[in-house]
Amino acid sequence: MGATDERADIITVPADVASPRFSPATLVRGYGRRLRAAGTRPVSAASVAFFRIAFGLSIVVNSALYVPRVIHEHHVEPTFHFSYGPVDFLDPLPGVGMYLVYGAMMVTGVLIALGRWYRSAAIAFFVLTTYVFFLDSTFYQNHEYLISLLAAMMVLLPVNGFWSLDASAGRVPASDVVPAWVVWLLRFQIGVPYFFGGVAKLNLDWLRGDPLRTWMAARTDLEPFRTVLTDSTVIWVMVYGALLLDLLVVPLLLYRRTRVPAFVAVCLFHLTNVWLFGLYIFPWLMIAATLIFFPPDWPLRVLHRHRGSSPAPGHPPGIGDLGTATLRRTSPVVTMLFALWIVFQLAVPLRHFAFDGSSSWTEEGHRFAWHMMLRDKSGTARFHLSDGQSTWTVDPAEFLTAEQVRELAWYPEHLVQFAHHLSSIHGGVEVRAETSVSLNGRARQPIVDPAVDLAAVPKVWWGHAPWIVQLEPD
């Protein structure tokens, strides 16, 4: 089968290139054949089965962490929600509805991990988690975005033929192999946050140590470690170490000789983030998911080593455990969907380069681009309403929760949404915002033009908003 032979992943130059009839079209066709052959060759299904189990358990833990406090603060307490563009019709379910949603997500997580009614559970979880994600952009988190993306992929990926109750019961064909493209697609998706997280760090603020230096200086609870963590040398090591890790970890994980040291560095990086910032399930999910870069049969090798046994003669580890090596043909529709998926994942994180100004200031193109831990913003906002005869001031705290108010002032898109809301409940009055915002320790300045009636400007879902005041030179 060659499931454990990593050399089989290498695509050689087609023989057609040496032909006297060589042409660019011949080269493309030759590489296309090689690519299809490499993508469809069978490899052990053990690593994607482990990925499915780890993903399902992550769903359970992540949903459970939200139940005690976050559901109430994010979905029950707020009376106004900051929407995402075209899905502004979505609202939280009333009463105990949102608790039931999170309970249902925990159930689907268990079913995904067990591989029981897998396809239905994956579809249900994708719908539920995407619904929750789009309820309020105030609470945008990169790890929730990643979970939603992975959920969409898991609906279509053939990852339930091995170590699953569906396969054991005969509900789906049992197979200890999957096409190699399944492993590579998961590697691609896990590599995207790393790489684009590194690209996002290529900005002057991060390269000079902000906002990490500010955050470490504020962590008085870290004594006696605070003295070390605020040392200038340590800050520079953390700043440039995180940058290099994000940019280089994927090729280092793909290369056999550097794979283990790279994985150790990944674990140290994420465990440090757990210690310093918490970050819910994201670091743990990424540690488990990064194991997809190891050979596809690595879980079986670990099991054989733990049991003190060796693979059956004539079979590489990971092939033959179920006695099957069947591959179902991939639908052309699925192939096209995943091709478009790859293009989408490569294009969306770069869209902020199409807009003027710093995305950490304007927030244009900041979401869905893996911009993680790049900005420390604070500010205040007051709204002045006018009906043509009188003018009065509104305090956002009268309408929003403390967390919504904290992020409102420095998010121009939210300022406009809230201005539209204020105008609608006051009979179409004009609404202007007086803001004072600081980015990464800079002096405060307005983030939107105080002379502009924000209730009259369109909600901007794409492109640059001219009413945003550009960040003054530092």
Protein backbone atom coordinates (compact mmCIF):
# COMPACT_ATOMS: atom_id res chain seq x y z
CA MET A 1 0.00 0.00 0.00
CA GLY A 2 2.82 2.40 0.76
CA ALA A 3 0.78 4.07 3.52
CA THR A 4 3.82 4.73 5.65
CA ASP A 5 6.27 5.55 2.87
CA GLU A 6 6.57 9.32 2.96
CA ARG A 7 8.63 9.28 -0.21
CA ALA A 8 5.42 8.45 -2.06
CA ASP A 9 4.25 12.00 -1.34
CA ILE A 10 6.96 13.40 -3.63
CA ILE A 11 5.68 14.32 -7.08
CA THR A 12 8.36 13.75 -9.69
CA VAL A 13 8.70 15.56 -12.99
CA PRO A 14 6.57 13.83 -15.63
CA ALA A 15 8.44 11.90 -18.28
CA ASP A 16 6.53 13.89 -20.89
CA VAL A 17 8.79 16.87 -20.15
CA ALA A 18 11.72 15.06 -21.76
CA SER A 19 9.71 14.39 -24.90
CA PRO A 20 10.61 16.37 -28.02
CA ARG A 21 6.90 17.20 -28.24
CA PHE A 22 7.01 18.91 -24.87
CA SER A 23 4.67 21.88 -24.44
CA PRO A 24 3.24 23.79 -21.44
CA ALA A 25 -0.04 21.91 -21.88
CA THR A 26 1.85 18.61 -21.75
CA LEU A 27 3.58 19.72 -18.55
CA VAL A 28 0.27 20.67 -16.93
CA ARG A 29 -1.34 17.36 -17.91
CA GLY A 30 1.67 15.43 -16.65
CA TYR A 31 1.71 17.17 -13.31
CA GLY A 32 -2.07 16.79 -13.12
CA ARG A 33 -1.78 13.02 -13.47
CA ARG A 34 0.96 12.88 -10.84
CA LEU A 35 -1.08 15.05 -8.48
CA ARG A 36 -4.18 12.88 -8.89
CA ALA A 37 -2.13 9.74 -8.32
CA ALA A 38 -0.56 11.18 -5.16
CA GLY A 39 -3.90 12.47 -3.86
CA THR A 40 -5.83 9.25 -4.42
CA ARG A 41 -3.27 6.76 -3.15
CA PRO A 42 -4.43 4.94 0.02
CA VAL A 43 -2.89 5.88 3.35
CA SER A 44 -3.72 4.77 6.86
CA ALA A 45 -7.00 6.17 8.20
CA ALA A 46 -5.71 6.16 11.78
CA SER A 47 -4.60 9.81 11.91
CA VAL A 48 -7.86 11.19 10.50
CA ALA A 49 -9.79 8.93 12.89
CA PHE A 50 -7.77 10.38 15.76
CA PHE A 51 -8.47 13.86 14.38
CA ARG A 52 -12.21 13.11 14.34
CA ILE A 53 -12.15 11.87 17.91
CA ALA A 54 -10.10 14.84 19.15
CA PHE A 55 -12.37 17.27 17.30
CA GLY A 56 -15.49 15.70 18.80
CA LEU A 57 -14.08 15.86 22.32
CA SER A 58 -13.02 19.48 21.76
CA ILE A 59 -16.62 20.30 20.83
CA VAL A 60 -17.86 18.78 24.08
CA VAL A 61 -15.33 20.61 26.25
CA ASN A 62 -15.68 23.94 24.43
CA SER A 63 -19.48 23.88 24.66
CA ALA A 64 -19.38 22.87 28.33
CA LEU A 65 -17.05 25.77 29.17
CA TYR A 66 -19.64 28.22 27.82
CA VAL A 67 -22.58 26.92 29.87
CA PRO A 68 -21.86 28.35 33.36
CA ARG A 69 -21.42 32.01 32.41
CA VAL A 70 -20.82 32.81 28.75
CA ILE A 71 -24.21 31.76 27.38
CA HIS A 72 -25.96 34.24 29.65
CA GLU A 73 -23.47 37.06 28.97
CA HIS A 74 -23.34 36.54 25.20
CA HIS A 75 -26.85 35.50 24.27
CA VAL A 76 -29.36 35.97 27.11
CA GLU A 77 -28.39 39.26 28.75
CA PRO A 78 -27.86 41.48 25.65
CA THR A 79 -30.96 43.19 24.24
CA PHE A 80 -29.11 44.33 21.11
CA HIS A 81 -26.75 42.22 19.01
CA PHE A 82 -24.09 43.35 16.53
CA SER A 83 -24.75 41.31 13.43
CA TYR A 84 -22.65 40.00 10.57
CA GLY A 85 -23.83 41.62 7.34
CA PRO A 86 -26.22 39.41 5.36
CA VAL A 87 -27.21 37.29 8.39
CA ASP A 88 -28.52 40.15 10.53
CA PHE A 89 -31.87 38.35 10.71
CA LEU A 90 -30.44 35.79 13.16
CA ASP A 91 -31.45 36.17 16.81
CA PRO A 92 -30.76 34.09 19.91
CA LEU A 93 -33.46 31.65 20.91
CA PRO A 94 -35.59 32.88 23.83
CA GLY A 95 -35.79 31.35 27.30
CA VAL A 96 -33.63 28.29 27.74
CA GLY A 97 -33.25 27.93 23.97
CA MET A 98 -29.57 28.81 23.85
CA TYR A 99 -28.77 26.38 26.65
CA LEU A 100 -30.49 23.67 24.62
CA VAL A 101 -28.41 24.65 21.59
CA TYR A 102 -25.16 24.21 23.53
CA GLY A 103 -26.47 20.97 25.00
CA ALA A 104 -27.20 19.72 21.49
CA MET A 105 -23.67 20.68 20.42
CA MET A 106 -22.23 18.61 23.25
CA VAL A 107 -24.32 15.63 22.12
CA THR A 108 -23.15 16.01 18.52
CA GLY A 109 -19.56 16.23 19.75
CA VAL A 110 -19.92 12.89 21.51
CA LEU A 111 -21.48 11.31 18.41
CA ILE A 112 -18.72 12.68 16.14
CA ALA A 113 -16.02 11.32 18.46
CA LEU A 114 -17.70 7.91 18.61
CA GLY A 115 -18.49 7.87 14.89
CA ARG A 116 -22.13 7.13 15.66
CA TRP A 117 -24.62 8.57 13.14
CA TYR A 118 -21.56 10.56 12.15
CA ARG A 119 -22.79 12.32 9.02
CA SER A 120 -26.01 13.53 10.64
CA ALA A 121 -24.14 14.62 13.77
CA ALA A 122 -21.55 16.53 11.71
CA ILE A 123 -24.26 18.35 9.75
CA ALA A 124 -26.17 19.19 12.94
CA PHE A 125 -23.08 20.49 14.67
CA PHE A 126 -22.05 22.61 11.69
CA VAL A 127 -25.50 24.24 11.57
CA LEU A 128 -25.59 24.84 15.33
CA THR A 129 -22.06 26.17 15.77
CA THR A 130 -22.32 28.43 12.70
CA TYR A 131 -25.67 29.76 13.96
CA VAL A 132 -24.12 30.59 17.35
CA PHE A 133 -21.03 32.11 15.73
CA PHE A 134 -23.10 34.56 13.64
CA LEU A 135 -25.31 35.80 16.49
CA ASP A 136 -23.07 38.65 17.65
CA SER A 137 -19.79 39.84 16.13
CA THR A 138 -18.81 41.41 19.47
CA PHE A 139 -17.74 37.98 20.63
CA TYR A 140 -15.79 36.97 17.53
CA GLN A 141 -13.07 34.44 18.36
CA ASN A 142 -10.62 32.91 15.91
CA HIS A 143 -11.00 29.49 17.50
CA GLU A 144 -14.78 29.58 17.02
CA TYR A 145 -14.21 30.49 13.38
CA LEU A 146 -11.76 27.59 13.00
CA ILE A 147 -14.20 25.16 14.63
CA SER A 148 -16.93 26.26 12.21
CA LEU A 149 -14.59 25.78 9.23
CA LEU A 150 -13.52 22.34 10.41
CA ALA A 151 -17.15 21.40 11.01
CA ALA A 152 -18.00 22.27 7.41
CA MET A 153 -15.12 20.13 6.15
CA MET A 154 -15.96 17.20 8.41
CA VAL A 155 -19.42 16.96 6.84
CA LEU A 156 -17.85 15.90 3.54
CA LEU A 157 -14.63 14.17 4.59
CA PRO A 158 -14.64 10.33 4.74
CA VAL A 159 -13.32 10.10 8.30
CA ASN A 160 -15.82 7.67 9.82
CA GLY A 161 -14.73 4.38 8.28
CA PHE A 162 -12.17 3.59 10.97
CA TRP A 163 -12.49 3.47 14.77
CA SER A 164 -16.18 4.35 14.50
CA LEU A 165 -19.39 2.75 15.69
CA ASP A 166 -20.94 3.33 12.27
CA ALA A 167 -18.23 1.18 10.66
CA SER A 168 -18.45 -1.48 13.36
CA ALA A 169 -22.23 -1.73 12.89
CA GLY A 170 -21.96 -1.83 9.11
CA ARG A 171 -23.74 1.49 8.59
CA VAL A 172 -20.82 2.67 6.47
CA PRO A 173 -18.13 0.61 4.69
CA ALA A 174 -15.33 -0.13 7.14
CA SER A 175 -11.94 0.86 5.79
CA ASP A 176 -8.55 1.29 7.40
CA VAL A 177 -7.40 3.60 4.58
CA VAL A 178 -8.40 6.97 3.18
CA PRO A 179 -7.22 8.84 0.09
CA ALA A 180 -4.07 10.84 0.82
CA TRP A 181 -5.86 14.08 -0.15
CA VAL A 182 -7.98 13.82 3.02
CA VAL A 183 -4.87 13.99 5.20
CA TRP A 184 -3.37 16.79 3.12
CA LEU A 185 -6.56 18.84 3.19
CA LEU A 186 -6.67 18.66 6.99
CA ARG A 187 -2.98 19.59 7.09
CA PHE A 188 -3.75 22.56 4.88
CA GLN A 189 -6.60 23.79 7.08
CA ILE A 190 -4.56 23.48 10.28
CA GLY A 191 -1.59 25.14 8.61
CA VAL A 192 -3.64 28.18 7.52
CA PRO A 193 -4.01 29.74 11.01
CA TYR A 194 -0.31 29.23 11.69
CA PHE A 195 0.94 30.76 8.44
CA PHE A 196 -1.45 33.69 8.21
CA GLY A 197 -1.03 34.32 11.93
CA GLY A 198 2.64 34.84 11.09
CA VAL A 199 1.88 37.04 8.09
CA ALA A 200 -0.32 39.22 10.31
CA LYS A 201 2.59 39.69 12.74
CA LEU A 202 4.66 41.34 10.01
CA ASN A 203 3.64 44.80 11.17
CA LEU A 204 5.58 47.51 12.96
CA ASP A 205 3.71 47.24 16.24
CA TRP A 206 4.40 43.53 16.67
CA LEU A 207 8.00 43.85 15.48
CA ARG A 208 8.68 46.43 18.17
CA GLY A 209 7.08 44.30 20.88
CA ASP A 210 3.54 45.69 21.13
CA PRO A 211 1.08 44.79 22.50
CA LEU A 212 2.87 41.87 24.20
CA ARG A 213 5.12 44.19 26.24
CA THR A 214 2.08 46.06 27.55
CA TRP A 215 0.22 42.90 28.50
CA MET A 216 3.19 41.43 30.35
CA ALA A 217 3.76 44.66 32.28
CA ALA A 218 0.12 44.62 33.41
CA ARG A 219 0.21 41.04 34.72
CA THR A 220 0.95 41.74 38.37
CA ASP A 221 -0.60 38.36 39.18
CA LEU A 222 2.36 36.58 37.58
CA GLU A 223 4.82 37.22 40.39
CA PRO A 224 7.52 36.01 40.80
CA PHE A 225 7.62 35.27 37.04
CA ARG A 226 6.65 38.84 36.11
CA THR A 227 10.20 40.07 36.57
CA VAL A 228 11.43 37.58 33.99
CA LEU A 229 8.51 38.03 31.59
CA THR A 230 8.96 41.81 31.48
CA ASP A 231 12.69 41.58 30.79
CA SER A 232 13.49 43.17 27.44
CA THR A 233 15.41 40.15 26.14
CA VAL A 234 12.60 37.77 27.07
CA ILE A 235 10.04 40.01 25.35
CA TRP A 236 12.08 40.03 22.14
CA VAL A 237 12.47 36.23 22.27
CA MET A 238 8.71 35.82 22.72
CA VAL A 239 7.86 38.31 19.96
CA TYR A 240 10.20 36.99 17.28
CA GLY A 241 9.90 33.40 18.45
CA ALA A 242 6.12 33.52 17.93
CA LEU A 243 6.62 35.16 14.52
CA LEU A 244 9.11 32.56 13.30
CA LEU A 245 7.07 29.68 14.70
CA ASP A 246 3.94 30.78 12.85
CA LEU A 247 5.75 31.31 9.56
CA LEU A 248 7.99 28.22 9.61
CA VAL A 249 6.16 25.59 11.63
CA VAL A 250 4.27 24.06 8.70
CA PRO A 251 7.36 23.30 6.54
CA LEU A 252 9.20 22.14 9.66
CA LEU A 253 6.36 19.76 10.50
CA LEU A 254 6.29 18.42 6.95
CA TYR A 255 10.01 17.63 6.97
CA ARG A 256 10.70 14.35 8.76
CA ARG A 257 13.97 15.38 10.44
CA THR A 258 12.51 18.54 12.02
CA ARG A 259 8.99 17.26 12.71
CA VAL A 260 9.42 16.23 16.36
CA PRO A 261 11.35 19.38 17.44
CA ALA A 262 8.73 21.50 15.64
CA PHE A 263 5.90 19.72 17.42
CA VAL A 264 7.63 20.21 20.79
CA ALA A 265 7.91 23.93 19.97
CA VAL A 266 4.20 24.00 19.07
CA CYS A 267 3.30 22.39 22.40
CA LEU A 268 5.45 24.85 24.36
CA PHE A 269 3.97 27.76 22.43
CA HIS A 270 0.36 26.75 23.06
CA LEU A 271 0.93 25.76 26.70
CA THR A 272 2.52 29.17 27.30
CA ASN A 273 -0.59 30.76 25.82
CA VAL A 274 -2.76 28.66 28.13
CA TRP A 275 -0.76 29.86 31.11
CA LEU A 276 -0.71 33.53 30.11
CA PHE A 277 -4.03 34.04 28.33
CA GLY A 278 -6.29 31.01 28.84
CA LEU A 279 -7.86 31.11 25.35
CA TYR A 280 -10.44 28.40 26.11
CA ILE A 281 -10.07 25.30 23.92
CA PHE A 282 -8.00 26.80 21.09
CA PRO A 283 -4.47 25.85 22.30
CA TRP A 284 -5.51 22.30 23.16
CA LEU A 285 -7.34 21.82 19.88
CA MET A 286 -4.33 23.05 17.92
CA ILE A 287 -1.93 20.75 19.78
CA ALA A 288 -4.10 17.73 19.00
CA ALA A 289 -4.79 18.86 15.43
CA THR A 290 -1.10 19.48 14.67
CA LEU A 291 -0.51 15.74 15.04
CA ILE A 292 -2.10 15.40 11.57
CA PHE A 293 1.35 16.38 10.20
CA PHE A 294 2.83 13.11 11.47
CA PRO A 295 2.71 9.98 9.25
CA PRO A 296 -0.91 8.85 8.74
CA ASP A 297 -0.40 5.66 10.74
CA TRP A 298 1.18 7.28 13.81
CA PRO A 299 -1.67 6.35 16.21
CA LEU A 300 -1.30 2.67 15.30
CA ARG A 301 2.45 2.83 15.76
CA VAL A 302 1.89 4.28 19.23
CA LEU A 303 -0.64 1.54 20.05
CA HIS A 304 1.66 -1.22 18.81
CA ARG A 305 4.54 0.21 20.82
CA HIS A 306 2.35 0.52 23.94
CA ARG A 307 1.19 -3.10 23.58
CA GLY A 308 4.69 -4.31 22.88
CA SER A 309 3.58 -5.80 19.59
CA SER A 310 4.56 -5.24 15.99
CA PRO A 311 2.54 -5.02 12.78
CA ALA A 312 1.57 -8.18 11.01
CA PRO A 313 4.25 -9.51 8.63
CA GLY A 314 3.90 -8.03 5.18
CA HIS A 315 1.74 -5.15 6.39
CA PRO A 316 3.03 -1.71 7.29
CA PRO A 317 1.59 -0.32 10.54
CA GLY A 318 -1.92 0.93 9.96
CA ILE A 319 -2.88 -1.31 7.06
CA GLY A 320 -4.81 -4.50 7.55
CA ASP A 321 -6.22 -3.88 11.04
CA LEU A 322 -9.74 -4.15 9.63
CA GLY A 323 -8.76 -6.44 6.80
CA THR A 324 -9.98 -3.91 4.22
CA ALA A 325 -8.30 -1.43 1.94
CA THR A 326 -11.20 -0.03 -0.01
CA LEU A 327 -11.40 3.52 -1.28
CA ARG A 328 -14.62 5.10 -2.40
CA ARG A 329 -14.36 7.30 -5.46
CA THR A 330 -14.48 10.98 -4.63
CA SER A 331 -17.37 12.85 -6.20
CA PRO A 332 -16.34 15.53 -8.75
CA VAL A 333 -18.67 17.91 -6.89
CA VAL A 334 -16.82 17.32 -3.63
CA THR A 335 -13.51 17.82 -5.43
CA MET A 336 -14.70 21.14 -6.86
CA LEU A 337 -16.04 22.29 -3.49
CA PHE A 338 -12.74 21.63 -1.77
CA ALA A 339 -10.79 23.32 -4.59
CA LEU A 340 -12.92 26.43 -4.10
CA TRP A 341 -12.46 26.02 -0.35
CA ILE A 342 -8.68 26.20 -0.71
CA VAL A 343 -8.89 29.33 -2.86
CA PHE A 344 -11.23 30.92 -0.28
CA GLN A 345 -8.89 30.10 2.61
CA LEU A 346 -5.92 31.63 0.79
CA ALA A 347 -7.71 34.78 -0.38
CA VAL A 348 -9.81 35.90 2.59
CA PRO A 349 -6.91 36.40 5.07
CA LEU A 350 -5.21 38.76 2.60
CA ARG A 351 -8.16 41.04 1.89
CA HIS A 352 -7.04 43.69 4.41
CA PHE A 353 -4.17 44.58 2.07
CA ALA A 354 -6.79 45.98 -0.32
CA PHE A 355 -7.82 48.64 2.22
CA ASP A 356 -6.02 51.80 3.30
CA GLY A 357 -4.71 52.10 6.83
CA SER A 358 -3.96 49.63 9.59
CA SER A 359 -6.55 46.89 9.93
CA SER A 360 -5.82 46.81 13.67
CA TRP A 361 -7.16 50.37 13.77
CA THR A 362 -9.95 50.38 11.17
CA GLU A 363 -10.89 46.70 11.78
CA GLU A 364 -11.44 46.40 8.01
CA GLY A 365 -10.36 42.92 7.00
CA HIS A 366 -9.32 42.09 10.56
CA ARG A 367 -11.80 39.29 11.18
CA PHE A 368 -11.46 35.93 9.39
CA ALA A 369 -7.78 36.69 8.72
CA TRP A 370 -6.14 34.99 11.71
CA HIS A 371 -5.05 38.28 13.25
CA MET A 372 -4.38 36.94 16.73
CA MET A 373 -3.06 38.88 19.75
CA LEU A 374 -2.08 41.87 17.60
CA ARG A 375 -3.88 44.80 19.19
CA ASP A 376 -4.65 46.30 22.55
CA LYS A 377 -7.37 48.90 22.13
CA SER A 378 -9.32 50.94 24.63
CA GLY A 379 -11.63 53.89 24.30
CA THR A 380 -14.87 55.66 25.01
CA ALA A 381 -17.84 56.63 22.87
CA ARG A 382 -20.76 59.01 23.39
CA PHE A 383 -23.62 59.40 20.95
CA HIS A 384 -25.18 62.78 20.24
CA LEU A 385 -28.71 62.60 18.81
CA SER A 386 -30.46 65.44 17.02
CA ASP A 387 -33.98 65.79 15.66
CA GLY A 388 -33.37 69.19 14.07
CA GLN A 389 -34.70 71.10 17.05
CA SER A 390 -32.86 69.69 20.03
CA THR A 391 -29.75 67.65 20.71
CA TRP A 392 -29.15 65.18 23.51
CA THR A 393 -26.54 62.62 24.50
CA VAL A 394 -27.05 58.89 24.92
CA ASP A 395 -24.90 56.61 27.05
CA PRO A 396 -24.41 53.22 25.28
CA ALA A 397 -24.45 51.48 28.67
CA GLU A 398 -28.20 52.07 28.76
CA PHE A 399 -28.63 49.63 25.88
CA LEU A 400 -25.59 47.35 25.86
CA THR A 401 -23.82 44.96 28.20
CA ALA A 402 -20.50 45.88 29.79
CA GLU A 403 -18.56 43.71 27.31
CA GLN A 404 -20.38 45.22 24.33
CA VAL A 405 -19.69 48.74 25.61
CA ARG A 406 -16.02 47.92 26.15
CA GLU A 407 -15.55 46.98 22.49
CA LEU A 408 -18.03 49.40 20.93
CA ALA A 409 -15.87 52.53 20.95
CA TRP A 410 -12.98 51.09 18.94
CA TYR A 411 -14.98 49.13 16.36
CA PRO A 412 -16.22 51.49 13.58
CA GLU A 413 -18.61 48.90 12.13
CA HIS A 414 -20.28 48.52 15.52
CA LEU A 415 -20.53 52.28 15.97
CA VAL A 416 -22.53 52.49 12.75
CA GLN A 417 -24.77 49.56 13.64
CA PHE A 418 -25.53 51.06 17.03
CA ALA A 419 -26.14 54.51 15.48
CA HIS A 420 -28.70 52.94 13.12
CA HIS A 421 -30.35 51.29 16.10
CA LEU A 422 -30.52 54.53 18.08
CA SER A 423 -31.95 56.38 15.10
CA SER A 424 -34.63 53.75 14.52
CA ILE A 425 -35.90 53.81 18.12
CA HIS A 426 -35.94 57.61 18.19
CA GLY A 427 -37.89 58.21 15.02
CA GLY A 428 -35.07 58.60 12.49
CA VAL A 429 -32.93 61.19 14.30
CA GLU A 430 -29.37 62.06 13.31
CA VAL A 431 -26.68 60.28 15.31
CA ARG A 432 -23.07 61.37 15.68
CA ALA A 433 -20.38 59.65 17.73
CA GLU A 434 -17.75 61.33 19.86
CA THR A 435 -14.97 58.75 20.27
CA SER A 436 -11.57 58.60 21.93
CA VAL A 437 -9.54 55.48 21.17
CA SER A 438 -5.99 54.25 21.83
CA LEU A 439 -4.21 51.49 19.89
CA ASN A 440 -1.26 49.68 21.47
CA GLY A 441 -0.42 52.48 23.88
CA ARG A 442 -0.70 55.38 21.43
CA ALA A 443 -2.25 58.71 22.37
CA ARG A 444 -6.03 58.67 22.07
CA GLN A 445 -7.74 60.05 19.00
CA PRO A 446 -11.17 59.88 17.33
CA ILE A 447 -11.76 56.73 15.30
CA VAL A 448 -14.77 58.08 13.36
CA ASP A 449 -15.51 61.57 12.06
CA PRO A 450 -17.59 63.28 14.78
CA ALA A 451 -19.29 65.48 12.14
CA VAL A 452 -20.74 62.54 10.19
CA ASP A 453 -24.30 61.36 10.80
CA LEU A 454 -23.59 57.66 11.28
CA ALA A 455 -27.28 56.85 11.02
CA ALA A 456 -27.20 58.04 7.41
CA VAL A 457 -24.14 56.08 6.23
CA PRO A 458 -24.60 52.56 4.88
CA LYS A 459 -23.42 49.59 6.86
CA VAL A 460 -20.12 48.67 5.27
CA TRP A 461 -19.50 44.94 4.87
CA TRP A 462 -16.74 45.31 2.28
CA GLY A 463 -14.38 48.10 1.26
CA HIS A 464 -13.10 51.16 3.05
CA ALA A 465 -15.38 53.49 4.99
CA PRO A 466 -14.41 57.15 4.37
CA TRP A 467 -15.87 58.27 7.71
CA ILE A 468 -13.18 56.33 9.61
CA VAL A 469 -10.44 58.70 10.83
CA GLN A 470 -7.05 57.30 9.86
CA LEU A 471 -4.53 56.50 12.57
CA GLU A 472 -2.15 59.37 13.17
CA PRO A 473 1.57 58.68 12.56
CA ASP A 474 3.30 57.30 15.64
